Amino acid sequence: MPRFLFEGSYTQAGVQGIQSAGGTSRRDAIANVTRQLGGELESLYFALGDSDVYVVVDLPDAVAATAVALAVNASGAVAVKTVVLLTPEEVDAAAQRSVDYRPPGA
């Protein structure tokens, strides 16, 4: 199953939600959404810095990941970036594929 990293930055409203309900409530809500889409929450970590939260999930496909990103961003409480994560084996398979690419100006 494809794996995705969601990197989120909370707005003021999002921070207030964390203060009132706690971090475990966010983890549980994200795990529930992930299960509804046929996936699984692998990890969730809060952080200090430019991003406030890092979430790694297994989801059936990019459509499911996009649905999550759209819903989260539409909430206005979090701005999220989505990153597709690849295993070393997937990178090996990609490296073996022949791609006929012509760079600009060539």
PDB file of N, CA and C in Angstrom:
ATOM      1  N   MET A   1       0.862  -1.176   0.000  1.00  0.00           N
ATOM      2  CA  MET A   1       0.000   0.000   0.000  1.00  0.00           C
ATOM      3  C   MET A   1       0.906   1.237   0.000  1.00  0.00           C
ATOM      4  N   PRO A   2       0.601   2.242  -0.816  1.00  0.00           N
ATOM      5  CA  PRO A   2       1.409   3.456  -0.854  1.00  0.00           C
ATOM      6  C   PRO A   2       1.453   4.156   0.509  1.00  0.00           C
ATOM      7  N   ARG A   3       2.576   4.770   0.770  1.00  0.00           N
ATOM      8  CA  ARG A   3       2.787   5.471   2.044  1.00  0.00           C
ATOM      9  C   ARG A   3       2.965   6.960   1.756  1.00  0.00           C
ATOM     10  N   PHE A   4       2.377   7.776   2.619  1.00  0.00           N
ATOM     11  CA  PHE A   4       2.402   9.224   2.453  1.00  0.00           C
ATOM     12  C   PHE A   4       2.804   9.896   3.754  1.00  0.00           C
ATOM     13  N   LEU A   5       3.523  11.004   3.607  1.00  0.00           N
ATOM     14  CA  LEU A   5       3.873  11.867   4.730  1.00  0.00           C
ATOM     15  C   LEU A   5       3.052  13.136   4.597  1.00  0.00           C
ATOM     16  N   PHE A   6       2.316  13.461   5.646  1.00  0.00           N
ATOM     17  CA  PHE A   6       1.612  14.731   5.716  1.00  0.00           C
ATOM     18  C   PHE A   6       2.365  15.597   6.711  1.00  0.00           C
ATOM     19  N   GLU A   7       2.782  16.756   6.251  1.00  0.00           N
ATOM     20  CA  GLU A   7       3.517  17.708   7.086  1.00  0.00           C
ATOM     21  C   GLU A   7       2.596  18.896   7.293  1.00  0.00           C
ATOM     22  N   GLY A   8       2.224  19.180   8.549  1.00  0.00           N
ATOM     23  CA  GLY A   8       1.233  20.198   8.804  1.00  0.00           C
ATOM     24  C   GLY A   8       1.704  21.331   9.679  1.00  0.00           C
ATOM     25  N   SER A   9       1.155  22.501   9.410  1.00  0.00           N
ATOM     26  CA  SER A   9       1.387  23.691  10.229  1.00  0.00           C
ATOM     27  C   SER A   9       0.026  24.194  10.698  1.00  0.00           C
ATOM     28  N   TYR A  10      -0.132  24.292  12.017  1.00  0.00           N
ATOM     29  CA  TYR A  10      -1.406  24.709  12.584  1.00  0.00           C
ATOM     30  C   TYR A  10      -1.589  26.218  12.502  1.00  0.00           C
ATOM     31  N   THR A  11      -2.807  26.624  12.219  1.00  0.00           N
ATOM     32  CA  THR A  11      -3.188  28.030  12.322  1.00  0.00           C
ATOM     33  C   THR A  11      -3.484  28.299  13.794  1.00  0.00           C
ATOM     34  N   GLN A  12      -3.823  29.535  14.111  1.00  0.00           N
ATOM     35  CA  GLN A  12      -4.166  29.865  15.490  1.00  0.00           C
ATOM     36  C   GLN A  12      -5.342  29.009  15.974  1.00  0.00           C
ATOM     37  N   ALA A  13      -6.335  28.837  15.130  1.00  0.00           N
ATOM     38  CA  ALA A  13      -7.498  28.011  15.509  1.00  0.00           C
ATOM     39  C   ALA A  13      -7.075  26.566  15.750  1.00  0.00           C
ATOM     40  N   GLY A  14      -6.157  26.058  14.946  1.00  0.00           N
ATOM     41  CA  GLY A  14      -5.675  24.699  15.134  1.00  0.00           C
ATOM     42  C   GLY A  14      -4.921  24.533  16.442  1.00  0.00           C
ATOM     43  N   VAL A  15      -4.099  25.507  16.767  1.00  0.00           N
ATOM     44  CA  VAL A  15      -3.358  25.465  18.035  1.00  0.00           C
ATOM     45  C   VAL A  15      -4.331  25.498  19.204  1.00  0.00           C
ATOM     46  N   GLN A  16      -5.352  26.323  19.114  1.00  0.00           N
ATOM     47  CA  GLN A  16      -6.347  26.386  20.182  1.00  0.00           C
ATOM     48  C   GLN A  16      -7.077  25.057  20.330  1.00  0.00           C
ATOM     49  N   GLY A  17      -7.325  24.380  19.214  1.00  0.00           N
ATOM     50  CA  GLY A  17      -7.943  23.055  19.276  1.00  0.00           C
ATOM     51  C   GLY A  17      -7.054  22.042  19.970  1.00  0.00           C
ATOM     52  N   ILE A  18      -5.753  22.092  19.697  1.00  0.00           N
ATOM     53  CA  ILE A  18      -4.803  21.197  20.374  1.00  0.00           C
ATOM     54  C   ILE A  18      -4.771  21.506  21.860  1.00  0.00           C
ATOM     55  N   GLN A  19      -4.770  22.785  22.224  1.00  0.00           N
ATOM     56  CA  GLN A  19      -4.742  23.162  23.629  1.00  0.00           C
ATOM     57  C   GLN A  19      -5.974  22.667  24.379  1.00  0.00           C
ATOM     58  N   SER A  20      -7.117  22.690  23.719  1.00  0.00           N
ATOM     59  CA  SER A  20      -8.350  22.301  24.416  1.00  0.00           C
ATOM     60  C   SER A  20      -8.585  20.794  24.434  1.00  0.00           C
ATOM     61  N   ALA A  21      -8.218  20.088  23.353  1.00  0.00           N
ATOM     62  CA  ALA A  21      -8.534  18.656  23.273  1.00  0.00           C
ATOM     63  C   ALA A  21      -7.304  17.756  23.393  1.00  0.00           C
ATOM     64  N   GLY A  22      -6.120  18.309  23.218  1.00  0.00           N
ATOM     65  CA  GLY A  22      -4.901  17.521  23.377  1.00  0.00           C
ATOM     66  C   GLY A  22      -4.433  16.843  22.094  1.00  0.00           C
ATOM     67  N   GLY A  23      -3.192  16.407  22.141  1.00  0.00           N
ATOM     68  CA  GLY A  23      -2.570  15.758  20.997  1.00  0.00           C
ATOM     69  C   GLY A  23      -3.113  14.369  20.705  1.00  0.00           C
ATOM     70  N   THR A  24      -3.474  13.637  21.754  1.00  0.00           N
ATOM     71  CA  THR A  24      -3.987  12.280  21.512  1.00  0.00           C
ATOM     72  C   THR A  24      -5.321  12.310  20.778  1.00  0.00           C
ATOM     73  N   SER A  25      -6.099  13.366  20.981  1.00  0.00           N
ATOM     74  CA  SER A  25      -7.374  13.452  20.254  1.00  0.00           C
ATOM     75  C   SER A  25      -7.128  13.639  18.762  1.00  0.00           C
ATOM     76  N   ARG A  26      -6.070  14.369  18.402  1.00  0.00           N
ATOM     77  CA  ARG A  26      -5.717  14.542  16.996  1.00  0.00           C
ATOM     78  C   ARG A  26      -5.249  13.225  16.410  1.00  0.00           C
ATOM     79  N   ARG A  27      -4.416  12.508  17.165  1.00  0.00           N
ATOM     80  CA  ARG A  27      -3.948  11.207  16.683  1.00  0.00           C
ATOM     81  C   ARG A  27      -5.131  10.282  16.430  1.00  0.00           C
ATOM     82  N   ASP A  28      -6.068  10.243  17.361  1.00  0.00           N
ATOM     83  CA  ASP A  28      -7.229   9.360  17.215  1.00  0.00           C
ATOM     84  C   ASP A  28      -8.100   9.771  16.028  1.00  0.00           C
ATOM     85  N   ALA A  29      -8.273  11.081  15.826  1.00  0.00           N
ATOM     86  CA  ALA A  29      -9.081  11.560  14.698  1.00  0.00           C
ATOM     87  C   ALA A  29      -8.419  11.205  13.371  1.00  0.00           C
ATOM     88  N   ILE A  30      -7.111  11.358  13.289  1.00  0.00           N
ATOM     89  CA  ILE A  30      -6.394  11.042  12.056  1.00  0.00           C
ATOM     90  C   ILE A  30      -6.400   9.546  11.795  1.00  0.00           C
ATOM     91  N   ALA A  31      -6.239   8.752  12.837  1.00  0.00           N
ATOM     92  CA  ALA A  31      -6.307   7.295  12.681  1.00  0.00           C
ATOM     93  C   ALA A  31      -7.680   6.882  12.170  1.00  0.00           C
ATOM     94  N   ASN A  32      -8.732   7.515  12.669  1.00  0.00           N
ATOM     95  CA  ASN A  32     -10.095   7.195  12.246  1.00  0.00           C
ATOM     96  C   ASN A  32     -10.316   7.539  10.771  1.00  0.00           C
ATOM     97  N   VAL A  33      -9.867   8.717  10.346  1.00  0.00           N
ATOM     98  CA  VAL A  33     -10.011   9.114   8.938  1.00  0.00           C
ATOM     99  C   VAL A  33      -9.251   8.147   8.043  1.00  0.00           C
ATOM    100  N   THR A  34      -8.059   7.790   8.464  1.00  0.00           N
ATOM    101  CA  THR A  34      -7.231   6.877   7.681  1.00  0.00           C
ATOM    102  C   THR A  34      -7.916   5.523   7.522  1.00  0.00           C
ATOM    103  N   ARG A  35      -8.479   5.006   8.614  1.00  0.00           N
ATOM    104  CA  ARG A  35      -9.204   3.715   8.555  1.00  0.00           C
ATOM    105  C   ARG A  35     -10.416   3.807   7.641  1.00  0.00           C
ATOM    106  N   GLN A  36     -11.142   4.922   7.690  1.00  0.00           N
ATOM    107  CA  GLN A  36     -12.325   5.102   6.838  1.00  0.00           C
ATOM    108  C   GLN A  36     -11.965   5.006   5.355  1.00  0.00           C
ATOM    109  N   LEU A  37     -10.742   5.386   5.027  1.00  0.00           N
ATOM    110  CA  LEU A  37     -10.301   5.354   3.631  1.00  0.00           C
ATOM    111  C   LEU A  37      -9.589   4.054   3.279  1.00  0.00           C
ATOM    112  N   GLY A  38      -9.597   3.096   4.199  1.00  0.00           N
ATOM    113  CA  GLY A  38      -8.982   1.804   3.933  1.00  0.00           C
ATOM    114  C   GLY A  38      -7.495   1.763   4.205  1.00  0.00           C
ATOM    115  N   GLY A  39      -7.008   2.714   5.000  1.00  0.00           N
ATOM    116  CA  GLY A  39      -5.583   2.774   5.296  1.00  0.00           C
ATOM    117  C   GLY A  39      -5.285   2.587   6.760  1.00  0.00           C
ATOM    118  N   GLU A  40      -4.049   2.964   7.123  1.00  0.00           N
ATOM    119  CA  GLU A  40      -3.602   2.797   8.499  1.00  0.00           C
ATOM    120  C   GLU A  40      -2.619   3.909   8.861  1.00  0.00           C
ATOM    121  N   LEU A  41      -2.782   4.445  10.059  1.00  0.00           N
ATOM    122  CA  LEU A  41      -1.844   5.423  10.588  1.00  0.00           C
ATOM    123  C   LEU A  41      -0.597   4.696  11.053  1.00  0.00           C
ATOM    124  N   GLU A  42       0.559   5.077  10.513  1.00  0.00           N
ATOM    125  CA  GLU A  42       1.815   4.477  10.959  1.00  0.00           C
ATOM    126  C   GLU A  42       2.404   5.262  12.117  1.00  0.00           C
ATOM    127  N   SER A  43       2.456   6.596  11.984  1.00  0.00           N
ATOM    128  CA  SER A  43       3.033   7.402  13.062  1.00  0.00           C
ATOM    129  C   SER A  43       2.526   8.831  12.981  1.00  0.00           C
ATOM    130  N   LEU A  44       2.547   9.487  14.127  1.00  0.00           N
ATOM    131  CA  LEU A  44       2.204  10.893  14.230  1.00  0.00           C
ATOM    132  C   LEU A  44       3.126  11.495  15.280  1.00  0.00           C
ATOM    133  N   TYR A  45       3.820  12.557  14.886  1.00  0.00           N
ATOM    134  CA  TYR A  45       4.706  13.253  15.813  1.00  0.00           C
ATOM    135  C   TYR A  45       4.463  14.750  15.720  1.00  0.00           C
ATOM    136  N   PHE A  46       4.360  15.380  16.876  1.00  0.00           N
ATOM    137  CA  PHE A  46       4.334  16.828  16.932  1.00  0.00           C
ATOM    138  C   PHE A  46       5.781  17.299  16.955  1.00  0.00           C
ATOM    139  N   ALA A  47       6.020  18.510  16.448  1.00  0.00           N
ATOM    140  CA  ALA A  47       7.393  18.989  16.319  1.00  0.00           C
ATOM    141  C   ALA A  47       7.461  20.482  16.594  1.00  0.00           C
ATOM    142  N   LEU A  48       8.666  20.933  16.809  1.00  0.00           N
ATOM    143  CA  LEU A  48       8.943  22.359  16.949  1.00  0.00           C
ATOM    144  C   LEU A  48       9.638  22.817  15.677  1.00  0.00           C
ATOM    145  N   GLY A  49       9.306  23.996  15.201  1.00  0.00           N
ATOM    146  CA  GLY A  49       9.934  24.496  13.982  1.00  0.00           C
ATOM    147  C   GLY A  49       8.900  24.961  12.982  1.00  0.00           C
ATOM    148  N   ASP A  50       9.244  24.881  11.708  1.00  0.00           N
ATOM    149  CA  ASP A  50       8.337  25.350  10.658  1.00  0.00           C
ATOM    150  C   ASP A  50       7.067  24.516  10.572  1.00  0.00           C
ATOM    151  N   SER A  51       7.186  23.227  10.836  1.00  0.00           N
ATOM    152  CA  SER A  51       6.019  22.337  10.817  1.00  0.00           C
ATOM    153  C   SER A  51       5.691  21.910  12.241  1.00  0.00           C
ATOM    154  N   ASP A  52       4.395  21.764  12.486  1.00  0.00           N
ATOM    155  CA  ASP A  52       3.931  21.414  13.827  1.00  0.00           C
ATOM    156  C   ASP A  52       3.647  19.930  14.010  1.00  0.00           C
ATOM    157  N   VAL A  53       3.381  19.246  12.898  1.00  0.00           N
ATOM    158  CA  VAL A  53       3.007  17.835  13.003  1.00  0.00           C
ATOM    159  C   VAL A  53       3.468  17.090  11.751  1.00  0.00           C
ATOM    160  N   TYR A  54       3.920  15.866  11.962  1.00  0.00           N
ATOM    161  CA  TYR A  54       4.317  14.961  10.875  1.00  0.00           C
ATOM    162  C   TYR A  54       3.510  13.680  11.031  1.00  0.00           C
ATOM    163  N   VAL A  55       2.815  13.300   9.968  1.00  0.00           N
ATOM    164  CA  VAL A  55       1.957  12.122   9.990  1.00  0.00           C
ATOM    165  C   VAL A  55       2.348  11.214   8.836  1.00  0.00           C
ATOM    166  N   VAL A  56       2.602   9.940   9.134  1.00  0.00           N
ATOM    167  CA  VAL A  56       2.887   8.950   8.095  1.00  0.00           C
ATOM    168  C   VAL A  56       1.738   7.960   8.080  1.00  0.00           C
ATOM    169  N   VAL A  57       1.137   7.784   6.898  1.00  0.00           N
ATOM    170  CA  VAL A  57      -0.009   6.881   6.753  1.00  0.00           C
ATOM    171  C   VAL A  57       0.172   5.987   5.537  1.00  0.00           C
ATOM    172  N   ASP A  58      -0.393   4.804   5.608  1.00  0.00           N
ATOM    173  CA  ASP A  58      -0.551   3.931   4.449  1.00  0.00           C
ATOM    174  C   ASP A  58      -1.971   4.148   3.961  1.00  0.00           C
ATOM    175  N   LEU A  59      -2.108   4.467   2.679  1.00  0.00           N
ATOM    176  CA  LEU A  59      -3.427   4.674   2.072  1.00  0.00           C
ATOM    177  C   LEU A  59      -3.490   3.894   0.772  1.00  0.00           C
ATOM    178  N   PRO A  60      -4.698   3.545   0.329  1.00  0.00           N
ATOM    179  CA  PRO A  60      -4.829   2.726  -0.876  1.00  0.00           C
ATOM    180  C   PRO A  60      -4.229   3.349  -2.133  1.00  0.00           C
ATOM    181  N   ASP A  61      -4.296   4.694  -2.250  1.00  0.00           N
ATOM    182  CA  ASP A  61      -3.826   5.329  -3.485  1.00  0.00           C
ATOM    183  C   ASP A  61      -3.709   6.831  -3.290  1.00  0.00           C
ATOM    184  N   ALA A  62      -3.236   7.496  -4.339  1.00  0.00           N
ATOM    185  CA  ALA A  62      -3.056   8.949  -4.309  1.00  0.00           C
ATOM    186  C   ALA A  62      -4.394   9.683  -4.224  1.00  0.00           C
ATOM    187  N   VAL A  63      -5.448   9.079  -4.722  1.00  0.00           N
ATOM    188  CA  VAL A  63      -6.773   9.705  -4.631  1.00  0.00           C
ATOM    189  C   VAL A  63      -7.188   9.832  -3.168  1.00  0.00           C
ATOM    190  N   ALA A  64      -6.973   8.781  -2.388  1.00  0.00           N
ATOM    191  CA  ALA A  64      -7.295   8.827  -0.956  1.00  0.00           C
ATOM    192  C   ALA A  64      -6.436   9.874  -0.251  1.00  0.00           C
ATOM    193  N   ALA A  65      -5.153   9.936  -0.585  1.00  0.00           N
ATOM    194  CA  ALA A  65      -4.261  10.925   0.025  1.00  0.00           C
ATOM    195  C   ALA A  65      -4.704  12.341  -0.330  1.00  0.00           C
ATOM    196  N   THR A  66      -5.124  12.532  -1.564  1.00  0.00           N
ATOM    197  CA  THR A  66      -5.585  13.846  -1.996  1.00  0.00           C
ATOM    198  C   THR A  66      -6.863  14.232  -1.263  1.00  0.00           C
ATOM    199  N   ALA A  67      -7.762  13.266  -1.054  1.00  0.00           N
ATOM    200  CA  ALA A  67      -8.998  13.533  -0.316  1.00  0.00           C
ATOM    201  C   ALA A  67      -8.680  14.002   1.104  1.00  0.00           C
ATOM    202  N   VAL A  68      -7.704  13.359   1.734  1.00  0.00           N
ATOM    203  CA  VAL A  68      -7.297  13.773   3.082  1.00  0.00           C
ATOM    204  C   VAL A  68      -6.740  15.191   3.045  1.00  0.00           C
ATOM    205  N   ALA A  69      -5.815  15.457   2.132  1.00  0.00           N
ATOM    206  CA  ALA A  69      -5.186  16.773   2.052  1.00  0.00           C
ATOM    207  C   ALA A  69      -6.223  17.866   1.790  1.00  0.00           C
ATOM    208  N   LEU A  70      -7.158  17.600   0.894  1.00  0.00           N
ATOM    209  CA  LEU A  70      -8.198  18.591   0.603  1.00  0.00           C
ATOM    210  C   LEU A  70      -9.057  18.880   1.832  1.00  0.00           C
ATOM    211  N   ALA A  71      -9.466  17.832   2.539  1.00  0.00           N
ATOM    212  CA  ALA A  71     -10.311  18.011   3.721  1.00  0.00           C
ATOM    213  C   ALA A  71      -9.568  18.765   4.821  1.00  0.00           C
ATOM    214  N   VAL A  72      -8.313  18.398   5.040  1.00  0.00           N
ATOM    215  CA  VAL A  72      -7.528  19.048   6.096  1.00  0.00           C
ATOM    216  C   VAL A  72      -7.292  20.513   5.750  1.00  0.00           C
ATOM    217  N   ASN A  73      -6.860  20.790   4.522  1.00  0.00           N
ATOM    218  CA  ASN A  73      -6.613  22.175   4.133  1.00  0.00           C
ATOM    219  C   ASN A  73      -7.892  23.009   4.144  1.00  0.00           C
ATOM    220  N   ALA A  74      -9.010  22.408   3.759  1.00  0.00           N
ATOM    221  CA  ALA A  74     -10.283  23.135   3.737  1.00  0.00           C
ATOM    222  C   ALA A  74     -10.763  23.495   5.136  1.00  0.00           C
ATOM    223  N   SER A  75     -10.281  22.764   6.152  1.00  0.00           N
ATOM    224  CA  SER A  75     -10.713  23.039   7.523  1.00  0.00           C
ATOM    225  C   SER A  75     -10.253  24.404   8.007  1.00  0.00           C
ATOM    226  N   GLY A  76      -9.168  24.902   7.449  1.00  0.00           N
ATOM    227  CA  GLY A  76      -8.638  26.182   7.894  1.00  0.00           C
ATOM    228  C   GLY A  76      -7.840  26.109   9.181  1.00  0.00           C
ATOM    229  N   ALA A  77      -7.788  24.941   9.818  1.00  0.00           N
ATOM    230  CA  ALA A  77      -7.057  24.784  11.076  1.00  0.00           C
ATOM    231  C   ALA A  77      -5.623  24.332  10.861  1.00  0.00           C
ATOM    232  N   VAL A  78      -5.358  23.768   9.688  1.00  0.00           N
ATOM    233  CA  VAL A  78      -4.032  23.234   9.391  1.00  0.00           C
ATOM    234  C   VAL A  78      -3.740  23.462   7.911  1.00  0.00           C
ATOM    235  N   ALA A  79      -2.498  23.835   7.615  1.00  0.00           N
ATOM    236  CA  ALA A  79      -2.021  23.846   6.230  1.00  0.00           C
ATOM    237  C   ALA A  79      -1.126  22.626   6.094  1.00  0.00           C
ATOM    238  N   VAL A  80      -1.451  21.742   5.151  1.00  0.00           N
ATOM    239  CA  VAL A  80      -0.739  20.473   5.039  1.00  0.00           C
ATOM    240  C   VAL A  80      -0.076  20.341   3.682  1.00  0.00           C
ATOM    241  N   LYS A  81       1.123  19.759   3.704  1.00  0.00           N
ATOM    242  CA  LYS A  81       1.831  19.371   2.480  1.00  0.00           C
ATOM    243  C   LYS A  81       1.850  17.853   2.464  1.00  0.00           C
ATOM    244  N   THR A  82       1.733  17.281   1.274  1.00  0.00           N
ATOM    245  CA  THR A  82       1.708  15.831   1.123  1.00  0.00           C
ATOM    246  C   THR A  82       2.940  15.385   0.350  1.00  0.00           C
ATOM    247  N   VAL A  83       3.604  14.351   0.862  1.00  0.00           N
ATOM    248  CA  VAL A  83       4.792  13.801   0.232  1.00  0.00           C
ATOM    249  C   VAL A  83       4.568  12.305   0.024  1.00  0.00           C
ATOM    250  N   VAL A  84       4.804  11.833  -1.191  1.00  0.00           N
ATOM    251  CA  VAL A  84       4.739  10.393  -1.461  1.00  0.00           C
ATOM    252  C   VAL A  84       6.062   9.790  -0.996  1.00  0.00           C
ATOM    253  N   LEU A  85       5.983   8.749  -0.178  1.00  0.00           N
ATOM    254  CA  LEU A  85       7.179   8.079   0.316  1.00  0.00           C
ATOM    255  C   LEU A  85       7.406   6.797  -0.470  1.00  0.00           C
ATOM    256  N   LEU A  86       8.651   6.506  -0.802  1.00  0.00           N
ATOM    257  CA  LEU A  86       9.008   5.330  -1.588  1.00  0.00           C
ATOM    258  C   LEU A  86       9.952   4.440  -0.796  1.00  0.00           C
ATOM    259  N   THR A  87       9.786   3.153  -0.942  1.00  0.00           N
ATOM    260  CA  THR A  87      10.700   2.207  -0.315  1.00  0.00           C
ATOM    261  C   THR A  87      11.984   2.134  -1.147  1.00  0.00           C
ATOM    262  N   PRO A  88      13.070   1.635  -0.574  1.00  0.00           N
ATOM    263  CA  PRO A  88      14.285   1.435  -1.367  1.00  0.00           C
ATOM    264  C   PRO A  88      14.053   0.517  -2.568  1.00  0.00           C
ATOM    265  N   GLU A  89      13.194  -0.475  -2.411  1.00  0.00           N
ATOM    266  CA  GLU A  89      12.887  -1.389  -3.519  1.00  0.00           C
ATOM    267  C   GLU A  89      12.158  -0.672  -4.649  1.00  0.00           C
ATOM    268  N   GLU A  90      11.279   0.242  -4.310  1.00  0.00           N
ATOM    269  CA  GLU A  90      10.584   1.013  -5.348  1.00  0.00           C
ATOM    270  C   GLU A  90      11.564   1.908  -6.104  1.00  0.00           C
ATOM    271  N   VAL A  91      12.527   2.467  -5.394  1.00  0.00           N
ATOM    272  CA  VAL A  91      13.541   3.282  -6.059  1.00  0.00           C
ATOM    273  C   VAL A  91      14.409   2.410  -6.962  1.00  0.00           C
ATOM    274  N   ASP A  92      14.741   1.198  -6.490  1.00  0.00           N
ATOM    275  CA  ASP A  92      15.495   0.260  -7.334  1.00  0.00           C
ATOM    276  C   ASP A  92      14.738  -0.019  -8.633  1.00  0.00           C
ATOM    277  N   ALA A  93      13.438  -0.281  -8.524  1.00  0.00           N
ATOM    278  CA  ALA A  93      12.628  -0.575  -9.705  1.00  0.00           C
ATOM    279  C   ALA A  93      12.586   0.637 -10.644  1.00  0.00           C
ATOM    280  N   ALA A  94      12.482   1.829 -10.085  1.00  0.00           N
ATOM    281  CA  ALA A  94      12.459   3.036 -10.909  1.00  0.00           C
ATOM    282  C   ALA A  94      13.793   3.238 -11.619  1.00  0.00           C
ATOM    283  N   ALA A  95      14.881   2.948 -10.925  1.00  0.00           N
ATOM    284  CA  ALA A  95      16.209   3.116 -11.518  1.00  0.00           C
ATOM    285  C   ALA A  95      16.441   2.167 -12.687  1.00  0.00           C
ATOM    286  N   GLN A  96      15.723   1.050 -12.712  1.00  0.00           N
ATOM    287  CA  GLN A  96      15.883   0.068 -13.787  1.00  0.00           C
ATOM    288  C   GLN A  96      15.045   0.388 -15.012  1.00  0.00           C
ATOM    289  N   ARG A  97      14.126   1.322 -14.891  1.00  0.00           N
ATOM    290  CA  ARG A  97      13.278   1.687 -16.026  1.00  0.00           C
ATOM    291  C   ARG A  97      14.022   2.606 -16.978  1.00  0.00           C
ATOM    292  N   SER A  98      13.807   2.372 -18.254  1.00  0.00           N
ATOM    293  CA  SER A  98      14.411   3.205 -19.283  1.00  0.00           C
ATOM    294  C   SER A  98      13.452   4.346 -19.607  1.00  0.00           C
ATOM    295  N   VAL A  99      13.971   5.564 -19.533  1.00  0.00           N
ATOM    296  CA  VAL A  99      13.162   6.738 -19.831  1.00  0.00           C
ATOM    297  C   VAL A  99      13.873   7.543 -20.913  1.00  0.00           C
ATOM    298  N   ASP A 100      13.176   7.827 -22.007  1.00  0.00           N
ATOM    299  CA  ASP A 100      13.746   8.604 -23.106  1.00  0.00           C
ATOM    300  C   ASP A 100      13.437  10.075 -22.839  1.00  0.00           C
ATOM    301  N   TYR A 101      14.378  10.768 -22.243  1.00  0.00           N
ATOM    302  CA  TYR A 101      14.200  12.168 -21.848  1.00  0.00           C
ATOM    303  C   TYR A 101      15.207  13.044 -22.571  1.00  0.00           C
ATOM    304  N   ARG A 102      14.735  14.159 -23.103  1.00  0.00           N
ATOM    305  CA  ARG A 102      15.610  15.130 -23.747  1.00  0.00           C
ATOM    306  C   ARG A 102      15.554  16.406 -22.924  1.00  0.00           C
ATOM    307  N   PRO A 103      16.695  16.831 -22.349  1.00  0.00           N
ATOM    308  CA  PRO A 103      16.696  18.060 -21.543  1.00  0.00           C
ATOM    309  C   PRO A 103      16.458  19.294 -22.393  1.00  0.00           C
ATOM    310  N   PRO A 104      15.983  20.378 -21.790  1.00  0.00           N
ATOM    311  CA  PRO A 104      15.762  21.612 -22.536  1.00  0.00           C
ATOM    312  C   PRO A 104      17.048  22.059 -23.235  1.00  0.00           C
ATOM    313  N   GLY A 105      16.917  22.480 -24.468  1.00  0.00           N
ATOM    314  CA  GLY A 105      18.041  22.977 -25.226  1.00  0.00           C
ATOM    315  C   GLY A 105      18.908  21.908 -25.859  1.00  0.00           C
ATOM    316  N   ALA A 106      18.589  20.652 -25.645  1.00  0.00           N
ATOM    317  CA  ALA A 106      19.405  19.572 -26.213  1.00  0.00           C
ATOM    318  C   ALA A 106      18.951  19.235 -27.613  1.00  0.00           C
TER     319      ALA A 106
END
